[in-house]
Protein backbone atom coordinates (compact mmCIF):
# COMPACT_ATOMS: atom_id res chain seq x y z
CA GLY A 1 25.82 11.42 74.03
CA ALA A 2 25.38 12.98 77.43
CA PRO A 3 21.89 13.44 78.80
CA GLY A 4 20.18 16.83 78.71
CA LEU A 5 20.69 19.60 76.26
CA ALA A 6 24.21 20.95 77.29
CA ARG A 7 26.88 21.55 74.70
CA GLU A 8 28.23 17.94 74.60
CA ALA A 9 24.75 16.50 74.13
CA MET A 10 24.01 19.03 71.27
CA ALA A 11 27.29 18.05 69.59
CA SER A 12 26.28 14.38 69.68
CA LEU A 13 23.02 15.30 68.15
CA ILE A 14 24.57 17.24 65.36
CA ALA A 15 27.12 14.47 64.54
CA ALA A 16 24.53 11.59 64.69
CA ASN A 17 22.82 10.09 61.69
CA GLU A 18 20.37 8.11 63.81
CA LEU A 19 19.23 8.52 67.43
CA LEU A 20 18.64 5.82 70.03
CA TYR A 21 17.66 7.18 73.38
CA VAL A 22 19.02 5.34 76.49
CA THR A 23 17.31 6.36 79.70
CA THR A 24 16.29 5.13 83.11
CA PRO A 25 12.60 4.46 83.53
CA THR A 26 12.03 7.50 85.77
CA MET A 27 9.83 10.52 85.01
CA PRO A 28 12.75 13.11 85.07
CA SER A 29 14.88 10.94 82.75
CA VAL A 30 12.09 10.23 80.31
CA LEU A 31 11.11 13.88 80.26
CA ASP A 32 14.80 14.62 79.26
CA VAL A 33 14.18 12.31 76.24
CA VAL A 34 11.04 14.26 75.29
CA ARG A 35 13.02 17.58 75.39
CA TYR A 36 15.88 16.08 73.52
CA LYS A 37 13.52 14.64 70.94
CA GLN A 38 12.09 18.08 70.38
CA ALA A 39 15.60 19.43 69.68
CA ALA A 40 16.37 16.52 67.37
CA LYS A 41 13.21 17.17 65.38
CA ALA A 42 14.67 20.41 64.16
CA GLU A 43 17.76 18.53 62.99
CA GLU A 44 15.56 15.95 61.04
CA LYS A 45 17.46 12.92 62.48
CA LYS A 46 16.01 9.37 62.23
CA GLN A 47 14.79 8.32 65.67
CA LEU A 48 15.05 4.57 66.33
CA GLY A 49 13.51 4.34 69.73
CA VAL A 50 14.23 4.13 73.42
CA VAL A 51 16.28 1.74 75.53
CA LEU A 52 15.33 1.43 79.20
CA ASN A 53 18.50 1.13 81.26
CA MET A 54 18.51 -0.34 84.80
CA PHE A 55 14.94 -1.52 84.15
CA ASP A 56 13.74 -4.17 86.61
CA GLY A 57 10.03 -3.70 86.51
CA HIS A 58 9.63 -2.30 89.91
CA SER A 59 6.58 -0.28 90.81
CA HIS A 60 8.53 2.96 91.17
CA GLN A 61 9.75 2.69 87.53
CA LEU A 62 7.70 3.85 84.60
CA PRO A 63 6.31 0.86 82.58
CA PRO A 64 7.47 0.64 78.95
CA GLU A 65 3.93 1.54 77.75
CA ASP A 66 4.00 4.81 79.64
CA VAL A 67 7.46 5.58 78.28
CA GLU A 68 6.16 4.94 74.75
CA LYS A 69 3.21 7.31 75.31
CA LEU A 70 5.41 10.08 76.67
CA THR A 71 8.14 9.85 74.06
CA GLN A 72 5.99 8.84 71.15
CA LEU A 73 8.79 6.30 70.39
CA PRO A 74 8.92 2.57 70.59
CA VAL A 75 10.86 0.91 73.51
CA ILE A 76 13.07 -1.38 71.61
CA GLY A 77 15.28 -2.86 74.44
CA TYR A 78 15.57 -3.29 78.22
CA LEU A 79 18.83 -3.46 80.15
CA PRO A 80 18.42 -4.90 83.70
CA THR A 81 20.45 -3.83 86.69
CA ASP A 82 23.09 -6.50 86.89
CA PRO A 83 26.20 -6.79 89.15
CA ALA A 84 27.99 -8.26 86.07
CA VAL A 85 28.13 -4.64 84.69
CA TYR A 86 30.23 -3.49 87.71
CA GLU A 87 32.45 -6.61 87.54
CA SER A 88 33.17 -5.98 83.91
CA LEU A 89 33.96 -2.34 84.53
CA ALA A 90 36.47 -3.35 87.14
CA ALA A 91 38.00 -5.92 84.75
CA GLU A 92 38.05 -3.20 82.00
CA MET A 93 36.11 -5.43 79.56
CA PRO A 94 32.72 -5.21 77.90
CA VAL A 95 30.13 -7.11 79.87
CA VAL A 96 29.30 -9.28 76.78
CA LEU A 97 32.86 -10.62 76.82
CA HIS A 98 33.39 -10.58 80.58
CA SER A 99 30.06 -12.25 81.62
CA PRO A 100 28.38 -13.39 78.30
CA ASN A 101 25.79 -15.48 80.06
CA SER A 102 24.68 -12.69 82.34
CA ARG A 103 21.09 -11.17 81.99
CA VAL A 104 22.42 -7.84 80.97
CA ALA A 105 24.80 -9.25 78.35
CA ARG A 106 21.99 -11.27 76.76
CA GLN A 107 19.86 -8.11 76.62
CA PHE A 108 22.76 -6.24 75.00
CA ILE A 109 23.05 -8.79 72.44
CA LYS A 110 19.27 -8.72 71.68
CA LEU A 111 19.38 -4.97 71.51
CA ALA A 112 22.35 -5.10 69.07
CA GLN A 113 20.42 -7.47 66.91
CA ALA A 114 17.35 -5.19 66.95
CA VAL A 115 19.34 -2.19 65.93
CA ALA A 116 21.66 -3.97 63.42
CA GLY A 117 18.99 -6.10 61.78
CA PRO A 118 18.36 -9.78 61.38
CA TYR A 119 21.30 -10.49 58.95
CA ALA A 120 24.06 -8.88 60.98
CA LYS A 121 26.72 -11.34 62.33
CA PRO A 122 28.75 -10.64 65.41
CA LEU A 123 32.48 -10.26 65.01
CA PRO A 124 34.56 -12.94 66.65
CA PRO A 125 36.04 -11.92 69.97
CA LYS A 126 39.67 -10.71 69.92
CA GLY A 127 42.35 -12.78 71.37
CA ILE A 128 44.54 -11.64 74.42
CA ARG A 129 47.47 -10.96 72.14
CA GLU A 130 45.39 -8.70 69.86
CA ARG A 131 43.95 -6.81 72.81
CA ILE A 132 47.36 -6.28 74.35
CA ALA A 133 48.80 -5.04 71.01
CA GLU A 134 45.89 -2.61 70.57
CA GLY A 135 46.37 -1.38 74.13
CA MET A 136 50.08 -0.89 73.69
CA GLY A 137 49.42 1.06 70.55
CA ARG A 138 47.03 3.37 72.45
CA ILE A 139 49.61 3.83 75.12
CA ASP A 140 52.24 4.71 72.46
CA GLU A 141 49.98 7.32 70.99
CA LEU A 142 49.11 8.73 74.37
CA ILE A 143 52.80 9.26 75.37
CA GLY A 144 53.75 10.44 71.87
CA PHE A 145 55.64 7.47 70.32
CA LYS A 146 53.40 7.48 67.29
């Protein structure tokens, strides 16, 4: 969901069964997690942990240990800043399909395994025909043919 405690974020909180906080390793962003966590406590939602997005370990970023102390949640994943993300956005493809050997794609896969558990198996990638058919179906729905 959206960051902060606005209406969209609260709707995500109410709809969720479990929460995984994704934040950048900066003090304002981590404090947003702390505030959101307090709101989530009232909803009695299971809180899985924190993912640090655009984490490169620079001195201006909070270290994972500090994030864990502030949020009282484990840091379960790190997503580095990677040009492959922008390239995949331009190609309109998930980065794990567009650039599967990139640093960020490998971290996304590790994160998925951490959340899904050790026995989860990835789905095989869809072929071009299947992706085109799905896209055409969405276009049909959008313009009212379905």
